[in-house]
C-alpha atoms as a PDB file:
ATOM      1  CA  UNK A   1     -15.613  53.028 -54.565  1.00  0.00           C
ATOM      2  CA  UNK A   2     -16.047  51.097 -57.841  1.00  0.00           C
ATOM      3  CA  UNK A   3     -15.062  47.803 -56.293  1.00  0.00           C
ATOM      4  CA  UNK A   4     -16.912  48.316 -53.023  1.00  0.00           C
ATOM      5  CA  UNK A   5     -19.753  45.857 -52.424  1.00  0.00           C
ATOM      6  CA  UNK A   6     -23.253  46.953 -51.468  1.00  0.00           C
ATOM      7  CA  UNK A   7     -22.877  46.179 -47.740  1.00  0.00           C
ATOM      8  CA  UNK A   8     -19.753  48.256 -47.426  1.00  0.00           C
ATOM      9  CA  UNK A   9     -21.372  51.118 -49.255  1.00  0.00           C
ATOM     10  CA  UNK A  10     -24.343  50.952 -46.886  1.00  0.00           C
ATOM     11  CA  UNK A  11     -22.080  50.997 -43.814  1.00  0.00           C
ATOM     12  CA  UNK A  12     -20.142  53.950 -45.257  1.00  0.00           C
ATOM     13  CA  UNK A  13     -23.352  55.829 -45.923  1.00  0.00           C
ATOM     14  CA  UNK A  14     -24.528  55.277 -42.360  1.00  0.00           C
ATOM     15  CA  UNK A  15     -21.202  56.460 -41.007  1.00  0.00           C
ATOM     16  CA  UNK A  16     -21.184  59.656 -43.061  1.00  0.00           C
ATOM     17  CA  UNK A  17     -24.719  60.421 -42.006  1.00  0.00           C
ATOM     18  CA  UNK A  18     -23.830  59.968 -38.343  1.00  0.00           C
ATOM     19  CA  UNK A  19     -20.705  62.163 -38.800  1.00  0.00           C
ATOM     20  CA  UNK A  20     -22.878  64.863 -40.330  1.00  0.00           C
ATOM     21  CA  UNK A  21     -25.173  65.057 -37.332  1.00  0.00           C
ATOM     22  CA  UNK A  22     -22.491  64.654 -34.683  1.00  0.00           C
ATOM     23  CA  UNK A  23     -20.704  67.760 -35.978  1.00  0.00           C
ATOM     24  CA  UNK A  24     -23.660  69.994 -35.196  1.00  0.00           C
ATOM     25  CA  UNK A  25     -24.420  71.865 -31.973  1.00  0.00           C
ATOM     26  CA  UNK A  26     -27.758  70.147 -31.514  1.00  0.00           C
ATOM     27  CA  UNK A  27     -27.293  66.430 -31.993  1.00  0.00           C
ATOM     28  CA  UNK A  28     -30.550  65.832 -30.174  1.00  0.00           C
ATOM     29  CA  UNK A  29     -33.005  66.664 -32.979  1.00  0.00           C
ATOM     30  CA  UNK A  30     -32.898  64.658 -36.215  1.00  0.00           C
ATOM     31  CA  UNK A  31     -35.361  65.297 -38.952  1.00  0.00           C
ATOM     32  CA  UNK A  32     -36.281  61.827 -40.140  1.00  0.00           C
ATOM     33  CA  UNK A  33     -37.623  62.865 -43.496  1.00  0.00           C
ATOM     34  CA  UNK A  34     -34.486  64.715 -44.523  1.00  0.00           C
ATOM     35  CA  UNK A  35     -32.622  61.478 -44.953  1.00  0.00           C
ATOM     36  CA  UNK A  36     -34.456  60.809 -48.191  1.00  0.00           C
ATOM     37  CA  UNK A  37     -34.234  64.342 -49.537  1.00  0.00           C
ATOM     38  CA  UNK A  38     -31.377  63.508 -51.907  1.00  0.00           C
ATOM     39  CA  UNK A  39     -32.785  60.155 -53.083  1.00  0.00           C
ATOM     40  CA  UNK A  40     -36.068  61.254 -54.638  1.00  0.00           C
ATOM     41  CA  UNK A  41     -37.030  63.490 -57.609  1.00  0.00           C
ATOM     42  CA  UNK A  42     -37.039  67.221 -57.913  1.00  0.00           C
ATOM     43  CA  UNK A  43     -38.757  67.562 -54.539  1.00  0.00           C
ATOM     44  CA  UNK A  44     -37.629  67.471 -51.853  1.00  0.00           C
ATOM     45  CA  UNK A  45     -34.381  69.358 -52.611  1.00  0.00           C
ATOM     46  CA  UNK A  46     -31.676  70.350 -50.129  1.00  0.00           C
ATOM     47  CA  UNK A  47     -28.534  72.372 -49.713  1.00  0.00           C
ATOM     48  CA  UNK A  48     -25.829  71.609 -47.089  1.00  0.00           C
ATOM     49  CA  UNK A  49     -23.287  74.233 -45.889  1.00  0.00           C
ATOM     50  CA  UNK A  50     -20.911  74.537 -42.995  1.00  0.00           C
ATOM     51  CA  UNK A  51     -21.632  77.884 -41.385  1.00  0.00           C
ATOM     52  CA  UNK A  52     -22.388  79.220 -37.912  1.00  0.00           C
ATOM     53  CA  UNK A  53     -19.805  76.760 -36.590  1.00  0.00           C
ATOM     54  CA  UNK A  54     -22.036  73.799 -37.532  1.00  0.00           C
ATOM     55  CA  UNK A  55     -23.503  71.885 -40.456  1.00  0.00           C
ATOM     56  CA  UNK A  56     -26.646  73.510 -41.821  1.00  0.00           C
ATOM     57  CA  UNK A  57     -29.255  72.005 -44.117  1.00  0.00           C
ATOM     58  CA  UNK A  58     -32.141  73.761 -45.809  1.00  0.00           C
ATOM     59  CA  UNK A  59     -34.763  71.587 -47.489  1.00  0.00           C
ATOM     60  CA  UNK A  60     -37.680  72.466 -49.741  1.00  0.00           C
ATOM     61  CA  UNK A  61     -40.584  70.030 -50.021  1.00  0.00           C
ATOM     62  CA  UNK A  62     -42.962  72.329 -51.914  1.00  0.00           C
ATOM     63  CA  UNK A  63     -42.679  75.787 -53.568  1.00  0.00           C
ATOM     64  CA  UNK A  64     -39.747  78.050 -54.130  1.00  0.00           C
ATOM     65  CA  UNK A  65     -37.298  75.452 -55.532  1.00  0.00           C
ATOM     66  CA  UNK A  66     -33.680  76.099 -56.184  1.00  0.00           C
ATOM     67  CA  UNK A  67     -34.144  79.894 -56.055  1.00  0.00           C
ATOM     68  CA  UNK A  68     -35.389  79.653 -52.485  1.00  0.00           C
ATOM     69  CA  UNK A  69     -32.504  77.400 -51.499  1.00  0.00           C
ATOM     70  CA  UNK A  70     -29.960  79.815 -53.004  1.00  0.00           C
ATOM     71  CA  UNK A  71     -31.547  82.767 -51.200  1.00  0.00           C
ATOM     72  CA  UNK A  72     -31.473  80.796 -47.903  1.00  0.00           C
ATOM     73  CA  UNK A  73     -27.792  79.944 -48.276  1.00  0.00           C
ATOM     74  CA  UNK A  74     -26.967  83.551 -49.172  1.00  0.00           C
ATOM     75  CA  UNK A  75     -28.743  84.679 -46.001  1.00  0.00           C
ATOM     76  CA  UNK A  76     -26.895  82.082 -43.865  1.00  0.00           C
ATOM     77  CA  UNK A  77     -23.609  83.494 -45.151  1.00  0.00           C
ATOM     78  CA  UNK A  78     -24.775  86.962 -44.232  1.00  0.00           C
ATOM     79  CA  UNK A  79     -25.681  86.000 -40.690  1.00  0.00           C
ATOM     80  CA  UNK A  80     -22.427  84.118 -40.298  1.00  0.00           C
ATOM     81  CA  UNK A  81     -20.665  87.327 -41.198  1.00  0.00           C
ATOM     82  CA  UNK A  82     -22.779  89.292 -38.666  1.00  0.00           C
ATOM     83  CA  UNK A  83     -22.729  86.907 -35.687  1.00  0.00           C
ATOM     84  CA  UNK A  84     -19.383  85.093 -35.876  1.00  0.00           C
ATOM     85  CA  UNK A  85     -17.348  85.943 -32.762  1.00  0.00           C
ATOM     86  CA  UNK A  86     -14.004  85.113 -34.346  1.00  0.00           C
ATOM     87  CA  UNK A  87     -14.640  86.885 -37.646  1.00  0.00           C
ATOM     88  CA  UNK A  88     -13.049  90.311 -37.449  1.00  0.00           C
ATOM     89  CA  UNK A  89     -15.545  92.974 -38.432  1.00  0.00           C
ATOM     90  CA  UNK A  90     -18.674  91.009 -37.476  1.00  0.00           C
ATOM     91  CA  UNK A  91     -21.150  92.815 -35.223  1.00  0.00           C
ATOM     92  CA  UNK A  92     -20.382  90.586 -32.251  1.00  0.00           C
ATOM     93  CA  UNK A  93     -16.620  90.852 -32.827  1.00  0.00           C
ATOM     94  CA  UNK A  94     -16.900  94.648 -32.876  1.00  0.00           C
ATOM     95  CA  UNK A  95     -19.040  94.627 -29.706  1.00  0.00           C
ATOM     96  CA  UNK A  96     -16.583  92.498 -27.830  1.00  0.00           C
ATOM     97  CA  UNK A  97     -13.547  94.403 -29.144  1.00  0.00           C
ATOM     98  CA  UNK A  98     -15.082  97.853 -28.861  1.00  0.00           C
ATOM     99  CA  UNK A  99     -13.019 100.929 -27.901  1.00  0.00           C
ATOM    100  CA  UNK A 100     -16.100 103.085 -27.263  1.00  0.00           C
ATOM    101  CA  UNK A 101     -19.349 102.529 -25.374  1.00  0.00           C
ATOM    102  CA  UNK A 102     -21.506 102.739 -28.458  1.00  0.00           C
ATOM    103  CA  UNK A 103     -21.285 100.295 -31.452  1.00  0.00           C
ATOM    104  CA  UNK A 104     -23.374 100.632 -34.564  1.00  0.00           C
ATOM    105  CA  UNK A 105     -24.953  97.272 -35.447  1.00  0.00           C
ATOM    106  CA  UNK A 106     -27.283  95.767 -38.088  1.00  0.00           C
ATOM    107  CA  UNK A 107     -31.038  95.651 -37.447  1.00  0.00           C
ATOM    108  CA  UNK A 108     -30.919  91.849 -37.220  1.00  0.00           C
ATOM    109  CA  UNK A 109     -28.231  91.962 -34.497  1.00  0.00           C
ATOM    110  CA  UNK A 110     -30.186  94.572 -32.600  1.00  0.00           C
ATOM    111  CA  UNK A 111     -33.390  92.550 -32.609  1.00  0.00           C
ATOM    112  CA  UNK A 112     -31.548  89.417 -31.473  1.00  0.00           C
ATOM    113  CA  UNK A 113     -29.870  91.239 -28.636  1.00  0.00           C
ATOM    114  CA  UNK A 114     -33.140  92.800 -27.627  1.00  0.00           C
ATOM    115  CA  UNK A 115     -34.704  89.305 -27.286  1.00  0.00           C
ATOM    116  CA  UNK A 116     -31.690  88.000 -25.423  1.00  0.00           C
ATOM    117  CA  UNK A 117     -31.824  90.905 -22.951  1.00  0.00           C
ATOM    118  CA  UNK A 118     -35.532  90.386 -22.372  1.00  0.00           C
ATOM    119  CA  UNK A 119     -35.010  86.676 -21.670  1.00  0.00           C
ATOM    120  CA  UNK A 120     -32.153  87.501 -19.300  1.00  0.00           C
ATOM    121  CA  UNK A 121     -34.445  89.854 -17.298  1.00  0.00           C
ATOM    122  CA  UNK A 122     -37.310  87.320 -17.219  1.00  0.00           C
ATOM    123  CA  UNK A 123     -35.050  84.463 -16.152  1.00  0.00           C
ATOM    124  CA  UNK A 124     -33.211  86.476 -13.474  1.00  0.00           C
ATOM    125  CA  UNK A 125     -29.924  86.100 -15.357  1.00  0.00           C
ATOM    126  CA  UNK A 126     -30.172  82.310 -15.886  1.00  0.00           C
ATOM    127  CA  UNK A 127     -30.017  83.038 -19.591  1.00  0.00           C
ATOM    128  CA  UNK A 128     -27.070  85.447 -19.474  1.00  0.00           C
ATOM    129  CA  UNK A 129     -25.803  87.122 -22.687  1.00  0.00           C
ATOM    130  CA  UNK A 130     -23.009  88.885 -20.803  1.00  0.00           C
ATOM    131  CA  UNK A 131     -21.363  85.608 -19.873  1.00  0.00           C
ATOM    132  CA  UNK A 132     -18.672  85.762 -22.605  1.00  0.00           C
ATOM    133  CA  UNK A 133     -15.803  86.350 -20.157  1.00  0.00           C
ATOM    134  CA  UNK A 134     -16.583  82.933 -18.731  1.00  0.00           C
ATOM    135  CA  UNK A 135     -17.527  80.939 -21.880  1.00  0.00           C
ATOM    136  CA  UNK A 136     -14.410  81.989 -23.725  1.00  0.00           C
ATOM    137  CA  UNK A 137     -12.352  80.135 -21.090  1.00  0.00           C
ATOM    138  CA  UNK A 138     -14.065  76.832 -21.956  1.00  0.00           C
ATOM    139  CA  UNK A 139     -12.835  75.081 -25.064  1.00  0.00           C
ATOM    140  CA  UNK A 140     -14.927  72.063 -26.073  1.00  0.00           C
ATOM    141  CA  UNK A 141     -13.197  71.581 -29.440  1.00  0.00           C
ATOM    142  CA  UNK A 142      -9.458  71.407 -29.157  1.00  0.00           C
ATOM    143  CA  UNK A 143      -7.963  71.830 -25.672  1.00  0.00           C
ATOM    144  CA  UNK A 144     -10.899  70.248 -23.787  1.00  0.00           C
ATOM    145  CA  UNK A 145      -9.565  71.141 -20.385  1.00  0.00           C
ATOM    146  CA  UNK A 146     -11.241  72.573 -17.271  1.00  0.00           C
ATOM    147  CA  UNK A 147     -10.166  76.229 -16.826  1.00  0.00           C
ATOM    148  CA  UNK A 148      -8.172  77.173 -13.753  1.00  0.00           C
ATOM    149  CA  UNK A 149     -10.476  77.966 -10.794  1.00  0.00           C
ATOM    150  CA  UNK A 150      -8.898  81.386 -10.162  1.00  0.00           C
ATOM    151  CA  UNK A 151      -9.348  82.401 -13.839  1.00  0.00           C
ATOM    152  CA  UNK A 152     -13.057  81.343 -13.668  1.00  0.00           C
ATOM    153  CA  UNK A 153     -13.568  83.317 -10.497  1.00  0.00           C
ATOM    154  CA  UNK A 154     -12.025  86.416 -12.057  1.00  0.00           C
ATOM    155  CA  UNK A 155     -14.126  85.914 -15.226  1.00  0.00           C
ATOM    156  CA  UNK A 156     -17.323  85.681 -13.188  1.00  0.00           C
ATOM    157  CA  UNK A 157     -16.453  89.024 -11.696  1.00  0.00           C
ATOM    158  CA  UNK A 158     -16.513  90.514 -15.210  1.00  0.00           C
ATOM    159  CA  UNK A 159     -19.999  89.217 -16.036  1.00  0.00           C
ATOM    160  CA  UNK A 160     -22.029  92.425 -15.763  1.00  0.00           C
ATOM    161  CA  UNK A 161     -25.628  91.400 -16.255  1.00  0.00           C
ATOM    162  CA  UNK A 162     -27.814  93.967 -17.977  1.00  0.00           C
ATOM    163  CA  UNK A 163     -25.051  96.552 -17.950  1.00  0.00           C
ATOM    164  CA  UNK A 164     -25.778  97.114 -21.634  1.00  0.00           C
ATOM    165  CA  UNK A 165     -28.657  97.840 -23.964  1.00  0.00           C
ATOM    166  CA  UNK A 166     -29.579  98.280 -27.584  1.00  0.00           C
ATOM    167  CA  UNK A 167     -31.222 101.401 -28.984  1.00  0.00           C
ATOM    168  CA  UNK A 168     -31.292 103.547 -32.144  1.00  0.00           C
ATOM    169  CA  UNK A 169     -29.331 101.086 -34.243  1.00  0.00           C
ATOM    170  CA  UNK A 170     -26.520 100.603 -31.682  1.00  0.00           C
ATOM    171  CA  UNK A 171     -25.233  98.449 -28.839  1.00  0.00           C
ATOM    172  CA  UNK A 172     -24.556 100.537 -25.739  1.00  0.00           C
ATOM    173  CA  UNK A 173     -22.272  99.352 -22.946  1.00  0.00           C
ATOM    174  CA  UNK A 174     -22.503 100.769 -19.457  1.00  0.00           C
ATOM    175  CA  UNK A 175     -19.441  98.921 -18.192  1.00  0.00           C
ATOM    176  CA  UNK A 176     -16.175  98.257 -20.020  1.00  0.00           C
ATOM    177  CA  UNK A 177     -16.178  94.634 -18.922  1.00  0.00           C
ATOM    178  CA  UNK A 178     -19.364  93.794 -20.808  1.00  0.00           C
ATOM    179  CA  UNK A 179     -18.825  91.127 -23.490  1.00  0.00           C
ATOM    180  CA  UNK A 180     -21.611  89.258 -25.175  1.00  0.00           C
ATOM    181  CA  UNK A 181     -22.287  85.588 -25.949  1.00  0.00           C
ATOM    182  CA  UNK A 182     -25.536  84.781 -27.742  1.00  0.00           C
ATOM    183  CA  UNK A 183     -24.823  81.085 -28.281  1.00  0.00           C
ATOM    184  CA  UNK A 184     -28.025  80.233 -26.397  1.00  0.00           C
ATOM    185  CA  UNK A 185     -30.236  82.015 -28.867  1.00  0.00           C
ATOM    186  CA  UNK A 186     -28.414  82.751 -32.114  1.00  0.00           C
ATOM    187  CA  UNK A 187     -29.164  79.642 -34.174  1.00  0.00           C
ATOM    188  CA  UNK A 188     -32.819  79.691 -33.304  1.00  0.00           C
ATOM    189  CA  UNK A 189     -32.976  83.362 -34.211  1.00  0.00           C
ATOM    190  CA  UNK A 190     -31.262  82.759 -37.509  1.00  0.00           C
ATOM    191  CA  UNK A 191     -33.621  79.850 -38.260  1.00  0.00           C
ATOM    192  CA  UNK A 192     -36.533  82.276 -37.951  1.00  0.00           C
ATOM    193  CA  UNK A 193     -34.845  84.663 -40.349  1.00  0.00           C
ATOM    194  CA  UNK A 194     -34.171  81.875 -42.858  1.00  0.00           C
ATOM    195  CA  UNK A 195     -37.763  80.774 -42.668  1.00  0.00           C
ATOM    196  CA  UNK A 196     -38.848  84.300 -43.591  1.00  0.00           C
ATOM    197  CA  UNK A 197     -36.515  84.271 -46.586  1.00  0.00           C
ATOM    198  CA  UNK A 198     -37.713  80.885 -47.856  1.00  0.00           C
ATOM    199  CA  UNK A 199     -41.414  81.901 -47.497  1.00  0.00           C
ATOM    200  CA  UNK A 200     -40.683  85.135 -49.369  1.00  0.00           C
ATOM    201  CA  UNK A 201     -39.448  82.929 -52.209  1.00  0.00           C
ATOM    202  CA  UNK A 202     -42.526  80.806 -52.288  1.00  0.00           C
ATOM    203  CA  UNK A 203     -41.747  77.883 -49.967  1.00  0.00           C
ATOM    204  CA  UNK A 204     -44.853  76.407 -48.438  1.00  0.00           C
ATOM    205  CA  UNK A 205     -43.346  73.224 -47.053  1.00  0.00           C
ATOM    206  CA  UNK A 206     -39.703  72.919 -45.862  1.00  0.00           C
ATOM    207  CA  UNK A 207     -37.200  72.436 -43.070  1.00  0.00           C
ATOM    208  CA  UNK A 208     -34.362  74.582 -41.733  1.00  0.00           C
ATOM    209  CA  UNK A 209     -31.878  72.454 -39.733  1.00  0.00           C
ATOM    210  CA  UNK A 210     -29.061  74.404 -38.217  1.00  0.00           C
ATOM    211  CA  UNK A 211     -26.898  71.774 -36.568  1.00  0.00           C
ATOM    212  CA  UNK A 212     -30.016  70.082 -35.194  1.00  0.00           C
ATOM    213  CA  UNK A 213     -31.962  73.270 -34.367  1.00  0.00           C
ATOM    214  CA  UNK A 214     -35.018  72.244 -36.430  1.00  0.00           C
ATOM    215  CA  UNK A 215     -37.622  74.620 -37.819  1.00  0.00           C
ATOM    216  CA  UNK A 216     -40.481  73.251 -39.925  1.00  0.00           C
ATOM    217  CA  UNK A 217     -42.137  75.463 -42.531  1.00  0.00           C
ATOM    218  CA  UNK A 218     -45.753  74.325 -42.802  1.00  0.00           C
ATOM    219  CA  UNK A 219     -46.243  70.582 -43.028  1.00  0.00           C
ATOM    220  CA  UNK A 220     -45.450  67.824 -45.503  1.00  0.00           C
ATOM    221  CA  UNK A 221     -47.099  68.187 -48.958  1.00  0.00           C
ATOM    222  CA  UNK A 222     -49.476  65.303 -48.146  1.00  0.00           C
ATOM    223  CA  UNK A 223     -50.763  67.297 -45.175  1.00  0.00           C
ATOM    224  CA  UNK A 224     -49.085  65.237 -42.438  1.00  0.00           C
ATOM    225  CA  UNK A 225     -46.738  66.690 -39.839  1.00  0.00           C
ATOM    226  CA  UNK A 226     -42.940  66.401 -40.015  1.00  0.00           C
ATOM    227  CA  UNK A 227     -41.372  63.787 -37.749  1.00  0.00           C
ATOM    228  CA  UNK A 228     -38.509  64.805 -35.456  1.00  0.00           C
ATOM    229  CA  UNK A 229     -36.687  62.473 -33.102  1.00  0.00           C
ATOM    230  CA  UNK A 230     -35.279  63.439 -29.727  1.00  0.00           C
ATOM    231  CA  UNK A 231     -32.066  61.553 -29.214  1.00  0.00           C
ATOM    232  CA  UNK A 232     -31.318  59.525 -26.085  1.00  0.00           C
ATOM    233  CA  UNK A 233     -27.573  58.758 -26.084  1.00  0.00           C
ATOM    234  CA  UNK A 234     -28.134  56.013 -23.500  1.00  0.00           C
ATOM    235  CA  UNK A 235     -30.740  54.011 -25.423  1.00  0.00           C
ATOM    236  CA  UNK A 236     -30.054  51.195 -27.819  1.00  0.00           C
ATOM    237  CA  UNK A 237     -31.811  52.745 -30.821  1.00  0.00           C
ATOM    238  CA  UNK A 238     -30.592  56.271 -30.060  1.00  0.00           C
ATOM    239  CA  UNK A 239     -34.050  57.785 -29.694  1.00  0.00           C
ATOM    240  CA  UNK A 240     -36.121  58.811 -26.690  1.00  0.00           C
ATOM    241  CA  UNK A 241     -39.224  60.308 -28.233  1.00  0.00           C
ATOM    242  CA  UNK A 242     -40.604  61.188 -31.658  1.00  0.00           C
ATOM    243  CA  UNK A 243     -42.321  64.558 -32.153  1.00  0.00           C
ATOM    244  CA  UNK A 244     -44.825  65.545 -34.818  1.00  0.00           C
ATOM    245  CA  UNK A 245     -44.218  69.158 -35.868  1.00  0.00           C
ATOM    246  CA  UNK A 246     -46.479  71.315 -38.042  1.00  0.00           C
ATOM    247  CA  UNK A 247     -45.130  74.836 -38.782  1.00  0.00           C
ATOM    248  CA  UNK A 248     -43.208  75.035 -35.476  1.00  0.00           C
ATOM    249  CA  UNK A 249     -39.642  74.577 -34.268  1.00  0.00           C
ATOM    250  CA  UNK A 250     -37.849  72.122 -31.987  1.00  0.00           C
ATOM    251  CA  UNK A 251     -34.650  73.015 -30.215  1.00  0.00           C
ATOM    252  CA  UNK A 252     -32.623  70.923 -27.761  1.00  0.00           C
ATOM    253  CA  UNK A 253     -30.082  71.815 -25.142  1.00  0.00           C
ATOM    254  CA  UNK A 254     -28.125  68.659 -24.365  1.00  0.00           C
ATOM    255  CA  UNK A 255     -25.352  67.776 -22.029  1.00  0.00           C
ATOM    256  CA  UNK A 256     -23.797  65.295 -24.521  1.00  0.00           C
ATOM    257  CA  UNK A 257     -23.612  67.607 -27.553  1.00  0.00           C
ATOM    258  CA  UNK A 258     -20.283  69.286 -26.800  1.00  0.00           C
ATOM    259  CA  UNK A 259     -18.480  67.775 -23.872  1.00  0.00           C
ATOM    260  CA  UNK A 260     -15.344  66.136 -22.570  1.00  0.00           C
ATOM    261  CA  UNK A 261     -14.339  64.103 -19.549  1.00  0.00           C
ATOM    262  CA  UNK A 262     -11.665  64.983 -17.037  1.00  0.00           C
ATOM    263  CA  UNK A 263     -10.875  62.936 -13.889  1.00  0.00           C
ATOM    264  CA  UNK A 264     -14.023  60.910 -14.448  1.00  0.00           C
ATOM    265  CA  UNK A 265     -16.303  63.955 -14.594  1.00  0.00           C
ATOM    266  CA  UNK A 266     -18.208  64.964 -17.689  1.00  0.00           C
ATOM    267  CA  UNK A 267     -18.078  68.706 -18.570  1.00  0.00           C
ATOM    268  CA  UNK A 268     -20.580  70.030 -21.141  1.00  0.00           C
ATOM    269  CA  UNK A 269     -21.041  73.382 -22.820  1.00  0.00           C
ATOM    270  CA  UNK A 270     -24.218  74.599 -21.048  1.00  0.00           C
ATOM    271  CA  UNK A 271     -22.644  76.947 -18.458  1.00  0.00           C
ATOM    272  CA  UNK A 272     -24.463  78.022 -15.287  1.00  0.00           C
ATOM    273  CA  UNK A 273     -23.842  81.792 -14.898  1.00  0.00           C
ATOM    274  CA  UNK A 274     -24.018  81.467 -11.149  1.00  0.00           C
ATOM    275  CA  UNK A 275     -21.010  79.133 -10.956  1.00  0.00           C
ATOM    276  CA  UNK A 276     -19.058  79.460 -14.243  1.00  0.00           C
ATOM    277  CA  UNK A 277     -19.196  75.675 -14.564  1.00  0.00           C
ATOM    278  CA  UNK A 278     -21.457  73.370 -16.594  1.00  0.00           C
ATOM    279  CA  UNK A 279     -24.965  73.230 -15.117  1.00  0.00           C
ATOM    280  CA  UNK A 280     -25.638  70.261 -12.825  1.00  0.00           C
ATOM    281  CA  UNK A 281     -29.394  69.971 -12.951  1.00  0.00           C
ATOM    282  CA  UNK A 282     -29.913  66.220 -13.275  1.00  0.00           C
ATOM    283  CA  UNK A 283     -30.821  66.457 -16.907  1.00  0.00           C
ATOM    284  CA  UNK A 284     -29.436  64.928 -20.061  1.00  0.00           C
ATOM    285  CA  UNK A 285     -31.357  67.312 -22.287  1.00  0.00           C
ATOM    286  CA  UNK A 286     -34.319  69.651 -22.652  1.00  0.00           C
ATOM    287  CA  UNK A 287     -36.170  70.008 -25.894  1.00  0.00           C
ATOM    288  CA  UNK A 288     -38.595  72.901 -26.395  1.00  0.00           C
ATOM    289  CA  UNK A 289     -41.119  73.199 -29.217  1.00  0.00           C
ATOM    290  CA  UNK A 290     -43.002  76.308 -30.237  1.00  0.00           C
ATOM    291  CA  UNK A 291     -43.693  78.871 -32.962  1.00  0.00           C
ATOM    292  CA  UNK A 292     -40.545  81.051 -32.560  1.00  0.00           C
ATOM    293  CA  UNK A 293     -37.279  79.165 -32.891  1.00  0.00           C
ATOM    294  CA  UNK A 294     -35.226  81.821 -31.103  1.00  0.00           C
ATOM    295  CA  UNK A 295     -37.491  81.545 -28.034  1.00  0.00           C
ATOM    296  CA  UNK A 296     -37.296  77.741 -28.191  1.00  0.00           C
ATOM    297  CA  UNK A 297     -33.494  78.081 -28.248  1.00  0.00           C
ATOM    298  CA  UNK A 298     -33.322  80.424 -25.289  1.00  0.00           C
ATOM    299  CA  UNK A 299     -35.925  78.476 -23.292  1.00  0.00           C
ATOM    300  CA  UNK A 300     -34.177  75.112 -23.808  1.00  0.00           C
ATOM    301  CA  UNK A 301     -30.942  76.477 -22.229  1.00  0.00           C
ATOM    302  CA  UNK A 302     -32.786  78.283 -19.468  1.00  0.00           C
ATOM    303  CA  UNK A 303     -34.811  75.217 -18.490  1.00  0.00           C
ATOM    304  CA  UNK A 304     -31.750  72.957 -18.621  1.00  0.00           C
ATOM    305  CA  UNK A 305     -29.880  75.204 -16.154  1.00  0.00           C
ATOM    306  CA  UNK A 306     -32.927  75.478 -13.856  1.00  0.00           C
ATOM    307  CA  UNK A 307     -33.699  71.760 -13.795  1.00  0.00           C
ATOM    308  CA  UNK A 308     -37.030  70.101 -14.348  1.00  0.00           C
ATOM    309  CA  UNK A 309     -38.982  71.378 -11.313  1.00  0.00           C
ATOM    310  CA  UNK A 310     -37.893  75.012 -11.506  1.00  0.00           C
ATOM    311  CA  UNK A 311     -37.862  74.802 -15.284  1.00  0.00           C
ATOM    312  CA  UNK A 312     -41.524  73.764 -15.434  1.00  0.00           C
ATOM    313  CA  UNK A 313     -42.419  76.612 -13.139  1.00  0.00           C
ATOM    314  CA  UNK A 314     -40.611  79.119 -15.352  1.00  0.00           C
ATOM    315  CA  UNK A 315     -42.192  77.674 -18.495  1.00  0.00           C
ATOM    316  CA  UNK A 316     -45.638  78.028 -16.938  1.00  0.00           C
ATOM    317  CA  UNK A 317     -44.941  81.726 -16.240  1.00  0.00           C
ATOM    318  CA  UNK A 318     -43.581  82.196 -19.777  1.00  0.00           C
ATOM    319  CA  UNK A 319     -46.607  80.491 -21.339  1.00  0.00           C
ATOM    320  CA  UNK A 320     -49.001  82.602 -19.259  1.00  0.00           C
ATOM    321  CA  UNK A 321     -47.636  85.637 -21.158  1.00  0.00           C
ATOM    322  CA  UNK A 322     -47.295  83.794 -24.515  1.00  0.00           C
ATOM    323  CA  UNK A 323     -50.665  82.035 -24.972  1.00  0.00           C
ATOM    324  CA  UNK A 324     -49.248  78.682 -23.767  1.00  0.00           C
ATOM    325  CA  UNK A 325     -47.554  77.991 -27.053  1.00  0.00           C
ATOM    326  CA  UNK A 326     -44.309  76.325 -25.832  1.00  0.00           C
ATOM    327  CA  UNK A 327     -43.842  72.730 -24.699  1.00  0.00           C
ATOM    328  CA  UNK A 328     -40.805  71.266 -22.971  1.00  0.00           C
ATOM    329  CA  UNK A 329     -39.516  67.643 -22.883  1.00  0.00           C
ATOM    330  CA  UNK A 330     -37.097  66.856 -20.069  1.00  0.00           C
ATOM    331  CA  UNK A 331     -34.771  63.894 -20.457  1.00  0.00           C
ATOM    332  CA  UNK A 332     -33.285  62.945 -17.064  1.00  0.00           C
ATOM    333  CA  UNK A 333     -29.578  62.189 -16.689  1.00  0.00           C
ATOM    334  CA  UNK A 334     -29.080  58.422 -16.429  1.00  0.00           C
ATOM    335  CA  UNK A 335     -26.011  58.355 -14.136  1.00  0.00           C
ATOM    336  CA  UNK A 336     -26.614  60.864 -11.300  1.00  0.00           C
END
C-alpha cells in the first residue's frame, strides 16, 4: 500500500465499497450519506459487522455515541443467535428440528412469527412462513443449481400454511411437516429492534443498514432527510430513483440480489409459494417505504410475487387498514 499511487488507491476503495454492498441481501438500497461516515470527525460514527448472513452497518449522526453503537452490535449478535437457521440451539433451529409440537421461544421470536402469520393470512399465503421445505432446496450461494422437479413437488406438499401458531411464549405446530422460513421479514424486524436499542441509548439521528435493508432514525442533524438510492442494475449509473427518508425505513426485494443463471434462465431467491420456483411477475425489484421496517420487508416480497397490478391492489387494502403509511416503487424487468 505504501507505494500505491493515489489513483490506484481510489480504484481499490471503490472496489471494496462495491464488494461490501454486493455481499448483502438487499443490494438495492444504498445509503448515500454512509459513505462519508468514516471520513469525518467524531460524528457520524459507524460499526460494521457480518451477522444475519449479511454485512450490517449501524451509524450514529447525533446522540448516543459509541455506547449506542456497542449496544446495537450486542443486540445484533443476540438476534443472530435467536434467528439463525443453521445455528444449533437458535429459536428457529429448535422450531425446525423439534421433536414435540410445542417449542418455547423468546418474546422477540414470538412477536416476529405473530407478524409473519398475520401477513400470511392477509396475503392469502403469498407471504408464506411455512415455505422452508421448499426454500431449503434452493442454494444461491454455493451449488447454484435448480432443484429436481420431483423434489420440489414433494417439498410443496409439505408446505402447511397456517398449520401453526404462537401463544403463551411458545411456537405450536399442528402438523409435523411445518417448518418455518422468515427470510422475508426477519431483517426488517431486527432493524426495528435495533432502532429501539439505539434510541434507548440517546440516538436522535442515525441509520441501521442490514445488508441494504435501511432504517433511518430521525433525520440528519441539519434537519434534512436522509438520501437513499434505489439501484437499477441495468442503468449506466446504477441508480433508478433517489428517496428522501425521514424517520422511516426502505426495504427492497430484488431479482438480482441473489441469483444464478442456468440454461439461459435467471433464477432468483424470491420464491413463489404456489410454484416452488422464483416468482415471474415482470419485476426487477419492489421497494417499500414506511414506518415499520418489518412490514416494509414483508410487503416488498409480497408485492414482488404478486406483480405490479395485483401488488398495488394489495397495498391499497393494506394502507386502508394502516393509515396509508406505506409506499411502493415498482421497477419493471428490462428483458421480459
